[in-house]
Amino acid sequence: MTDFKDHFSGHAAIYREARPTYPAELFAWLAQQTPDTSLAWDCGCGNGQATLALARHFARVIGTDPSANQIAGAAPAPNVDYRVESAEQSSLADASASLVTVAQALHWFDFDRFYAEVGRVLKPGGVFAAWTYADCRSGDAAIDAIKNRLYVDLTGPYWPPERALVESGYRTLPFPFVEIAAPAFEMKAMWNVEQFLAYLRSWSATQRYLKDRGEDPVALIEPDLRDAWPDTPLQRAVHWDFHVRCGRT
């Protein structure tokens, strides 16, 4: 297996529990774009969140990730096969997959080698799709200002350079496919303050700050965030800007 930039294995359990889910409509739409629904390959699958969603639409799904910790914590399904493999060098057969997906991970890959692997694995007429989300907002000015203090002032220097690709909605990435225009998908979660704090702690920059300084940066903004979070309702909508790039070979 090739070396990979591992920002999540050390807190795989936190990541699994705290991350928002992707829009269900996305997976139904992807299934409609493919030549058939026999096999989908989910690259950089992490805890299997997108993999399981694909399994509701495809007869078989293979989820691969170079992190054994992430794969160990991935939720099983009868038609899902998880493998500890890099996205750039998989064990899938030539021209075997109708769909190849990357959820919130394409910015970590070696683009040239990965796209060559996608070309090998996709069957004729097959579809490639990658999506990403960056910053979030609650719609409450006080809450969002406190969150921005964490996102920019505290953890800003700890975001890896690849974060810029996420912030751009993947528009600056190479994309050697005939693009398919994707509809707008809404990504949101109904969370209480505990869930929101858990999400903030799942950021790679939060974990890098903690490792470097020995201090949890979320704890620095937690009292203010708890004070700003309204008692009624306990849950509020958190929204992300969600971006999809989709195409055929």
C-alpha atoms as a PDB file:
ATOM      1  CA  MET A   1       0.000   0.000   0.000  1.00  0.00           C
ATOM      2  CA  THR A   2       1.216   3.516  -0.787  1.00  0.00           C
ATOM      3  CA  ASP A   3       1.743   6.199   1.855  1.00  0.00           C
ATOM      4  CA  PHE A   4      -1.276   8.377   2.501  1.00  0.00           C
ATOM      5  CA  LYS A   5      -2.102  11.534   4.405  1.00  0.00           C
ATOM      6  CA  ASP A   6      -3.845  10.180   7.468  1.00  0.00           C
ATOM      7  CA  HIS A   7      -5.654  12.895   9.405  1.00  0.00           C
ATOM      8  CA  PHE A   8      -8.464  10.782  10.825  1.00  0.00           C
ATOM      9  CA  SER A   9      -7.336   7.327  12.007  1.00  0.00           C
ATOM     10  CA  GLY A  10      -6.406   8.639  15.440  1.00  0.00           C
ATOM     11  CA  HIS A  11      -9.968   9.800  16.077  1.00  0.00           C
ATOM     12  CA  ALA A  12     -11.935   7.402  13.884  1.00  0.00           C
ATOM     13  CA  ALA A  13     -14.579   6.805  16.568  1.00  0.00           C
ATOM     14  CA  ILE A  14     -15.188  10.546  17.026  1.00  0.00           C
ATOM     15  CA  TYR A  15     -15.353  10.994  13.269  1.00  0.00           C
ATOM     16  CA  ARG A  16     -17.862   8.150  12.898  1.00  0.00           C
ATOM     17  CA  GLU A  17     -20.202   9.466  15.572  1.00  0.00           C
ATOM     18  CA  ALA A  18     -19.986  13.186  14.889  1.00  0.00           C
ATOM     19  CA  ARG A  19     -20.110  13.660  11.131  1.00  0.00           C
ATOM     20  CA  PRO A  20     -23.285  14.802   9.343  1.00  0.00           C
ATOM     21  CA  THR A  21     -24.944  12.523   6.798  1.00  0.00           C
ATOM     22  CA  TYR A  22     -25.078  13.198   3.076  1.00  0.00           C
ATOM     23  CA  PRO A  23     -28.346  14.043   1.291  1.00  0.00           C
ATOM     24  CA  ALA A  24     -30.299  10.873   0.494  1.00  0.00           C
ATOM     25  CA  GLU A  25     -31.416  12.437  -2.793  1.00  0.00           C
ATOM     26  CA  LEU A  26     -27.799  12.453  -3.991  1.00  0.00           C
ATOM     27  CA  PHE A  27     -27.544   8.668  -4.066  1.00  0.00           C
ATOM     28  CA  ALA A  28     -30.864   8.188  -5.831  1.00  0.00           C
ATOM     29  CA  TRP A  29     -29.776  10.701  -8.457  1.00  0.00           C
ATOM     30  CA  LEU A  30     -26.399   8.999  -8.960  1.00  0.00           C
ATOM     31  CA  ALA A  31     -28.082   5.629  -9.478  1.00  0.00           C
ATOM     32  CA  GLN A  32     -30.135   7.201 -12.266  1.00  0.00           C
ATOM     33  CA  GLN A  33     -27.001   8.388 -14.095  1.00  0.00           C
ATOM     34  CA  THR A  34     -25.249   5.013 -14.284  1.00  0.00           C
ATOM     35  CA  PRO A  35     -25.571   2.392 -17.050  1.00  0.00           C
ATOM     36  CA  ASP A  36     -26.716  -0.144 -14.432  1.00  0.00           C
ATOM     37  CA  THR A  37     -26.692  -0.604 -10.673  1.00  0.00           C
ATOM     38  CA  SER A  38     -24.622  -3.760 -10.388  1.00  0.00           C
ATOM     39  CA  LEU A  39     -21.481  -2.426  -8.654  1.00  0.00           C
ATOM     40  CA  ALA A  40     -20.362   0.850  -7.099  1.00  0.00           C
ATOM     41  CA  TRP A  41     -16.901   1.584  -5.710  1.00  0.00           C
ATOM     42  CA  ASP A  42     -16.661   4.091  -2.842  1.00  0.00           C
ATOM     43  CA  CYS A  43     -13.053   5.297  -2.527  1.00  0.00           C
ATOM     44  CA  GLY A  44     -11.682   6.704   0.703  1.00  0.00           C
ATOM     45  CA  CYS A  45     -14.829   5.376   2.330  1.00  0.00           C
ATOM     46  CA  GLY A  46     -13.773   6.085   5.917  1.00  0.00           C
ATOM     47  CA  ASN A  47     -16.480   4.836   8.264  1.00  0.00           C
ATOM     48  CA  GLY A  48     -18.720   3.751   5.385  1.00  0.00           C
ATOM     49  CA  GLN A  49     -21.301   6.517   5.587  1.00  0.00           C
ATOM     50  CA  ALA A  50     -21.588   6.983   1.804  1.00  0.00           C
ATOM     51  CA  THR A  51     -20.928   3.289   1.212  1.00  0.00           C
ATOM     52  CA  LEU A  52     -24.047   2.271   3.125  1.00  0.00           C
ATOM     53  CA  ALA A  53     -26.122   4.901   1.351  1.00  0.00           C
ATOM     54  CA  LEU A  54     -24.968   3.543  -2.011  1.00  0.00           C
ATOM     55  CA  ALA A  55     -25.869   0.016  -0.885  1.00  0.00           C
ATOM     56  CA  ARG A  56     -29.543   1.012  -0.910  1.00  0.00           C
ATOM     57  CA  HIS A  57     -29.323   1.623  -4.662  1.00  0.00           C
ATOM     58  CA  PHE A  58     -26.665  -0.805  -5.943  1.00  0.00           C
ATOM     59  CA  ALA A  59     -26.608  -4.598  -5.881  1.00  0.00           C
ATOM     60  CA  ARG A  60     -23.037  -4.569  -4.591  1.00  0.00           C
ATOM     61  CA  VAL A  61     -20.756  -1.891  -3.177  1.00  0.00           C
ATOM     62  CA  ILE A  62     -17.034  -2.039  -2.462  1.00  0.00           C
ATOM     63  CA  GLY A  63     -15.705   0.496   0.029  1.00  0.00           C
ATOM     64  CA  THR A  64     -11.958   1.053   0.219  1.00  0.00           C
ATOM     65  CA  ASP A  65      -9.841   3.131   2.574  1.00  0.00           C
ATOM     66  CA  PRO A  66      -6.126   2.977   3.420  1.00  0.00           C
ATOM     67  CA  SER A  67      -6.924   3.371   7.132  1.00  0.00           C
ATOM     68  CA  ALA A  68      -7.440   0.040   8.854  1.00  0.00           C
ATOM     69  CA  ASN A  69      -8.906   1.899  11.848  1.00  0.00           C
ATOM     70  CA  GLN A  70     -11.592   3.487   9.716  1.00  0.00           C
ATOM     71  CA  ILE A  71     -12.461   0.201   7.995  1.00  0.00           C
ATOM     72  CA  ALA A  72     -12.601  -1.588  11.356  1.00  0.00           C
ATOM     73  CA  GLY A  73     -15.266   0.853  12.508  1.00  0.00           C
ATOM     74  CA  ALA A  74     -17.311   0.861   9.310  1.00  0.00           C
ATOM     75  CA  ALA A  75     -20.912  -0.324   9.609  1.00  0.00           C
ATOM     76  CA  PRO A  76     -21.531  -3.614   7.771  1.00  0.00           C
ATOM     77  CA  ALA A  77     -24.218  -4.471   5.227  1.00  0.00           C
ATOM     78  CA  PRO A  78     -24.896  -7.730   3.349  1.00  0.00           C
ATOM     79  CA  ASN A  79     -24.035  -6.258  -0.038  1.00  0.00           C
ATOM     80  CA  VAL A  80     -21.009  -4.220   1.083  1.00  0.00           C
ATOM     81  CA  ASP A  81     -17.399  -5.384   0.913  1.00  0.00           C
ATOM     82  CA  TYR A  82     -14.855  -3.244   2.795  1.00  0.00           C
ATOM     83  CA  ARG A  83     -11.186  -3.399   1.876  1.00  0.00           C
ATOM     84  CA  VAL A  84      -8.081  -1.711   3.290  1.00  0.00           C
ATOM     85  CA  GLU A  85      -6.685  -0.336   0.047  1.00  0.00           C
ATOM     86  CA  SER A  86      -5.506   2.931  -1.411  1.00  0.00           C
ATOM     87  CA  ALA A  87      -7.670   4.702  -3.953  1.00  0.00           C
ATOM     88  CA  GLU A  88      -4.756   4.805  -6.368  1.00  0.00           C
ATOM     89  CA  GLN A  89      -4.239   1.022  -6.381  1.00  0.00           C
ATOM     90  CA  SER A  90      -7.330  -1.100  -5.786  1.00  0.00           C
ATOM     91  CA  SER A  91      -8.117  -4.776  -6.245  1.00  0.00           C
ATOM     92  CA  LEU A  92     -11.220  -4.124  -8.374  1.00  0.00           C
ATOM     93  CA  ALA A  93     -11.321  -5.783 -11.782  1.00  0.00           C
ATOM     94  CA  ASP A  94     -10.992  -3.883 -15.038  1.00  0.00           C
ATOM     95  CA  ALA A  95     -14.237  -2.315 -16.328  1.00  0.00           C
ATOM     96  CA  SER A  96     -16.189  -3.675 -13.364  1.00  0.00           C
ATOM     97  CA  ALA A  97     -17.844  -0.675 -11.686  1.00  0.00           C
ATOM     98  CA  SER A  98     -20.801   1.342 -12.930  1.00  0.00           C
ATOM     99  CA  LEU A  99     -20.113   4.132 -10.447  1.00  0.00           C
ATOM    100  CA  VAL A 100     -17.030   5.372  -8.619  1.00  0.00           C
ATOM    101  CA  THR A 101     -17.567   7.825  -5.762  1.00  0.00           C
ATOM    102  CA  VAL A 102     -15.409   9.857  -3.404  1.00  0.00           C
ATOM    103  CA  ALA A 103     -17.101  11.486  -0.421  1.00  0.00           C
ATOM    104  CA  GLN A 104     -15.138  14.306   1.219  1.00  0.00           C
ATOM    105  CA  ALA A 105     -11.784  12.696   0.393  1.00  0.00           C
ATOM    106  CA  LEU A 106     -10.714  13.496  -3.182  1.00  0.00           C
ATOM    107  CA  HIS A 107      -8.430  16.311  -2.011  1.00  0.00           C
ATOM    108  CA  TRP A 108      -6.184  13.758  -0.282  1.00  0.00           C
ATOM    109  CA  PHE A 109      -5.550  11.663  -3.410  1.00  0.00           C
ATOM    110  CA  ASP A 110      -2.739  11.581  -5.963  1.00  0.00           C
ATOM    111  CA  PHE A 111      -4.906  12.855  -8.812  1.00  0.00           C
ATOM    112  CA  ASP A 112      -2.990  11.452 -11.784  1.00  0.00           C
ATOM    113  CA  ARG A 113      -2.698   7.964 -10.346  1.00  0.00           C
ATOM    114  CA  PHE A 114      -6.238   7.932  -8.989  1.00  0.00           C
ATOM    115  CA  TYR A 115      -7.861   9.092 -12.206  1.00  0.00           C
ATOM    116  CA  ALA A 116      -5.921   6.418 -14.092  1.00  0.00           C
ATOM    117  CA  GLU A 117      -7.320   3.840 -11.650  1.00  0.00           C
ATOM    118  CA  VAL A 118     -10.853   5.194 -12.129  1.00  0.00           C
ATOM    119  CA  GLY A 119     -10.428   4.841 -15.888  1.00  0.00           C
ATOM    120  CA  ARG A 120      -9.338   1.235 -15.432  1.00  0.00           C
ATOM    121  CA  VAL A 121     -12.145   0.255 -13.066  1.00  0.00           C
ATOM    122  CA  LEU A 122     -15.111   2.051 -14.654  1.00  0.00           C
ATOM    123  CA  LYS A 123     -17.082   0.162 -17.278  1.00  0.00           C
ATOM    124  CA  PRO A 124     -18.051   1.916 -20.528  1.00  0.00           C
ATOM    125  CA  GLY A 125     -20.593   4.608 -19.779  1.00  0.00           C
ATOM    126  CA  GLY A 126     -19.734   4.481 -16.088  1.00  0.00           C
ATOM    127  CA  VAL A 127     -19.937   7.535 -13.879  1.00  0.00           C
ATOM    128  CA  PHE A 128     -17.497   9.215 -11.495  1.00  0.00           C
ATOM    129  CA  ALA A 129     -18.743  11.518  -8.723  1.00  0.00           C
ATOM    130  CA  ALA A 130     -16.987  13.387  -5.937  1.00  0.00           C
ATOM    131  CA  TRP A 131     -18.533  15.696  -3.380  1.00  0.00           C
ATOM    132  CA  THR A 132     -17.383  17.901  -0.555  1.00  0.00           C
ATOM    133  CA  TYR A 133     -18.583  20.275   2.131  1.00  0.00           C
ATOM    134  CA  ALA A 134     -16.615  22.899   4.025  1.00  0.00           C
ATOM    135  CA  ASP A 135     -17.733  25.427   6.581  1.00  0.00           C
ATOM    136  CA  CYS A 136     -21.112  25.257   8.303  1.00  0.00           C
ATOM    137  CA  ARG A 137     -23.596  27.796   9.624  1.00  0.00           C
ATOM    138  CA  SER A 138     -26.445  27.690  12.084  1.00  0.00           C
ATOM    139  CA  GLY A 139     -28.205  30.867  11.046  1.00  0.00           C
ATOM    140  CA  ASP A 140     -27.705  32.323  14.525  1.00  0.00           C
ATOM    141  CA  ALA A 141     -25.210  35.198  14.382  1.00  0.00           C
ATOM    142  CA  ALA A 142     -23.880  34.645  17.913  1.00  0.00           C
ATOM    143  CA  ILE A 143     -23.355  30.897  17.446  1.00  0.00           C
ATOM    144  CA  ASP A 144     -21.732  31.327  14.053  1.00  0.00           C
ATOM    145  CA  ALA A 145     -19.371  34.021  15.347  1.00  0.00           C
ATOM    146  CA  ILE A 146     -18.168  31.694  18.104  1.00  0.00           C
ATOM    147  CA  LYS A 147     -17.763  28.835  15.637  1.00  0.00           C
ATOM    148  CA  ASN A 148     -15.782  31.143  13.326  1.00  0.00           C
ATOM    149  CA  ARG A 149     -13.441  31.945  16.212  1.00  0.00           C
ATOM    150  CA  LEU A 150     -12.589  28.255  16.342  1.00  0.00           C
ATOM    151  CA  TYR A 151     -12.535  27.752  12.567  1.00  0.00           C
ATOM    152  CA  VAL A 152     -10.376  30.781  11.698  1.00  0.00           C
ATOM    153  CA  ASP A 153      -8.605  32.201  14.734  1.00  0.00           C
ATOM    154  CA  LEU A 154      -7.770  29.072  16.720  1.00  0.00           C
ATOM    155  CA  THR A 155      -7.526  26.163  14.275  1.00  0.00           C
ATOM    156  CA  GLY A 156      -6.917  28.186  11.089  1.00  0.00           C
ATOM    157  CA  PRO A 157      -3.144  27.527  11.037  1.00  0.00           C
ATOM    158  CA  TYR A 158      -3.763  23.813  11.645  1.00  0.00           C
ATOM    159  CA  TRP A 159      -5.833  23.131   8.542  1.00  0.00           C
ATOM    160  CA  PRO A 160      -3.773  21.206   5.972  1.00  0.00           C
ATOM    161  CA  PRO A 161      -3.113  22.911   2.598  1.00  0.00           C
ATOM    162  CA  GLU A 162      -5.637  20.617   0.908  1.00  0.00           C
ATOM    163  CA  ARG A 163      -8.385  22.440   2.809  1.00  0.00           C
ATOM    164  CA  ALA A 164      -8.260  25.134   0.125  1.00  0.00           C
ATOM    165  CA  LEU A 165      -9.538  22.578  -2.392  1.00  0.00           C
ATOM    166  CA  VAL A 166     -12.506  21.867  -0.133  1.00  0.00           C
ATOM    167  CA  GLU A 167     -13.209  25.566   0.352  1.00  0.00           C
ATOM    168  CA  SER A 168     -13.321  25.997  -3.423  1.00  0.00           C
ATOM    169  CA  GLY A 169     -15.981  23.285  -3.740  1.00  0.00           C
ATOM    170  CA  TYR A 170     -13.519  21.150  -5.754  1.00  0.00           C
ATOM    171  CA  ARG A 171     -13.827  23.598  -8.671  1.00  0.00           C
ATOM    172  CA  THR A 172     -10.060  24.038  -8.841  1.00  0.00           C
ATOM    173  CA  LEU A 173      -9.344  20.302  -8.987  1.00  0.00           C
ATOM    174  CA  PRO A 174      -8.397  18.572 -12.245  1.00  0.00           C
ATOM    175  CA  PHE A 175     -11.453  16.737 -13.577  1.00  0.00           C
ATOM    176  CA  PRO A 176     -10.722  14.634 -16.694  1.00  0.00           C
ATOM    177  CA  PHE A 177     -14.342  13.638 -17.302  1.00  0.00           C
ATOM    178  CA  VAL A 178     -17.240  14.807 -19.435  1.00  0.00           C
ATOM    179  CA  GLU A 179     -19.081  16.760 -16.769  1.00  0.00           C
ATOM    180  CA  ILE A 180     -22.679  16.015 -15.827  1.00  0.00           C
ATOM    181  CA  ALA A 181     -24.491  18.965 -14.272  1.00  0.00           C
ATOM    182  CA  ALA A 182     -25.669  17.952 -10.818  1.00  0.00           C
ATOM    183  CA  PRO A 183     -28.748  19.463  -9.206  1.00  0.00           C
ATOM    184  CA  ALA A 184     -28.437  21.389  -5.965  1.00  0.00           C
ATOM    185  CA  PHE A 185     -28.563  19.161  -2.890  1.00  0.00           C
ATOM    186  CA  GLU A 186     -29.263  20.419   0.614  1.00  0.00           C
ATOM    187  CA  MET A 187     -26.995  19.167   3.360  1.00  0.00           C
ATOM    188  CA  LYS A 188     -28.194  19.859   6.876  1.00  0.00           C
ATOM    189  CA  ALA A 189     -28.471  18.261  10.306  1.00  0.00           C
ATOM    190  CA  MET A 190     -30.789  18.890  13.227  1.00  0.00           C
ATOM    191  CA  TRP A 191     -28.410  19.029  16.174  1.00  0.00           C
ATOM    192  CA  ASN A 192     -28.311  19.975  19.819  1.00  0.00           C
ATOM    193  CA  VAL A 193     -25.295  21.703  21.331  1.00  0.00           C
ATOM    194  CA  GLU A 194     -23.659  18.396  22.338  1.00  0.00           C
ATOM    195  CA  GLN A 195     -23.806  17.115  18.772  1.00  0.00           C
ATOM    196  CA  PHE A 196     -22.462  20.384  17.410  1.00  0.00           C
ATOM    197  CA  LEU A 197     -19.528  20.344  19.835  1.00  0.00           C
ATOM    198  CA  ALA A 198     -18.767  16.734  18.910  1.00  0.00           C
ATOM    199  CA  TYR A 199     -18.669  17.759  15.240  1.00  0.00           C
ATOM    200  CA  LEU A 200     -16.237  20.595  15.995  1.00  0.00           C
ATOM    201  CA  ARG A 201     -13.992  18.114  17.786  1.00  0.00           C
ATOM    202  CA  SER A 202     -14.009  15.828  14.713  1.00  0.00           C
ATOM    203  CA  TRP A 203     -12.238  18.429  12.560  1.00  0.00           C
ATOM    204  CA  SER A 204      -8.747  17.395  11.515  1.00  0.00           C
ATOM    205  CA  ALA A 205      -7.513  20.883  12.451  1.00  0.00           C
ATOM    206  CA  THR A 206      -8.964  20.523  15.948  1.00  0.00           C
ATOM    207  CA  GLN A 207      -7.113  17.263  16.432  1.00  0.00           C
ATOM    208  CA  ARG A 208      -3.871  18.709  15.061  1.00  0.00           C
ATOM    209  CA  TYR A 209      -4.160  21.686  17.435  1.00  0.00           C
ATOM    210  CA  LEU A 210      -4.731  19.302  20.349  1.00  0.00           C
ATOM    211  CA  LYS A 211      -1.734  17.179  19.415  1.00  0.00           C
ATOM    212  CA  ASP A 212       0.521  20.198  18.962  1.00  0.00           C
ATOM    213  CA  ARG A 213      -0.499  22.214  22.022  1.00  0.00           C
ATOM    214  CA  GLY A 214      -1.883  19.589  24.359  1.00  0.00           C
ATOM    215  CA  GLU A 215      -5.078  21.584  24.712  1.00  0.00           C
ATOM    216  CA  ASP A 216      -8.536  21.070  23.210  1.00  0.00           C
ATOM    217  CA  PRO A 217      -9.366  24.239  21.240  1.00  0.00           C
ATOM    218  CA  VAL A 218     -13.077  23.460  21.386  1.00  0.00           C
ATOM    219  CA  ALA A 219     -12.901  23.746  25.190  1.00  0.00           C
ATOM    220  CA  LEU A 220     -11.796  27.359  24.729  1.00  0.00           C
ATOM    221  CA  ILE A 221     -15.017  28.332  22.957  1.00  0.00           C
ATOM    222  CA  GLU A 222     -17.349  25.790  24.588  1.00  0.00           C
ATOM    223  CA  PRO A 223     -18.630  27.969  27.472  1.00  0.00           C
ATOM    224  CA  ASP A 224     -19.557  30.801  25.106  1.00  0.00           C
ATOM    225  CA  LEU A 225     -21.143  28.392  22.657  1.00  0.00           C
ATOM    226  CA  ARG A 226     -23.254  26.775  25.364  1.00  0.00           C
ATOM    227  CA  ASP A 227     -24.380  30.202  26.559  1.00  0.00           C
ATOM    228  CA  ALA A 228     -25.339  31.239  23.022  1.00  0.00           C
ATOM    229  CA  TRP A 229     -27.185  28.025  22.186  1.00  0.00           C
ATOM    230  CA  PRO A 230     -30.911  28.592  22.791  1.00  0.00           C
ATOM    231  CA  ASP A 231     -32.762  26.404  25.271  1.00  0.00           C
ATOM    232  CA  THR A 232     -35.781  26.302  22.960  1.00  0.00           C
ATOM    233  CA  PRO A 233     -35.637  24.549  20.631  1.00  0.00           C
ATOM    234  CA  LEU A 234     -32.830  22.317  21.871  1.00  0.00           C
ATOM    235  CA  GLN A 235     -32.096  21.252  18.292  1.00  0.00           C
ATOM    236  CA  ARG A 236     -31.471  23.660  15.468  1.00  0.00           C
ATOM    237  CA  ALA A 237     -30.619  23.266  11.789  1.00  0.00           C
ATOM    238  CA  VAL A 238     -26.941  23.304  10.835  1.00  0.00           C
ATOM    239  CA  HIS A 239     -26.290  23.818   7.119  1.00  0.00           C
ATOM    240  CA  TRP A 240     -23.260  23.180   4.925  1.00  0.00           C
ATOM    241  CA  ASP A 241     -22.428  24.389   1.423  1.00  0.00           C
ATOM    242  CA  PHE A 242     -22.463  21.121  -0.504  1.00  0.00           C
ATOM    243  CA  HIS A 243     -20.677  20.672  -3.839  1.00  0.00           C
ATOM    244  CA  VAL A 244     -20.821  17.770  -6.308  1.00  0.00           C
ATOM    245  CA  ARG A 245     -18.737  17.119  -9.401  1.00  0.00           C
ATOM    246  CA  CYS A 246     -19.923  14.309 -11.617  1.00  0.00           C
ATOM    247  CA  GLY A 247     -18.913  13.045 -15.049  1.00  0.00           C
ATOM    248  CA  ARG A 248     -18.322  10.188 -17.452  1.00  0.00           C
ATOM    249  CA  THR A 249     -15.044   8.948 -18.864  1.00  0.00           C
END
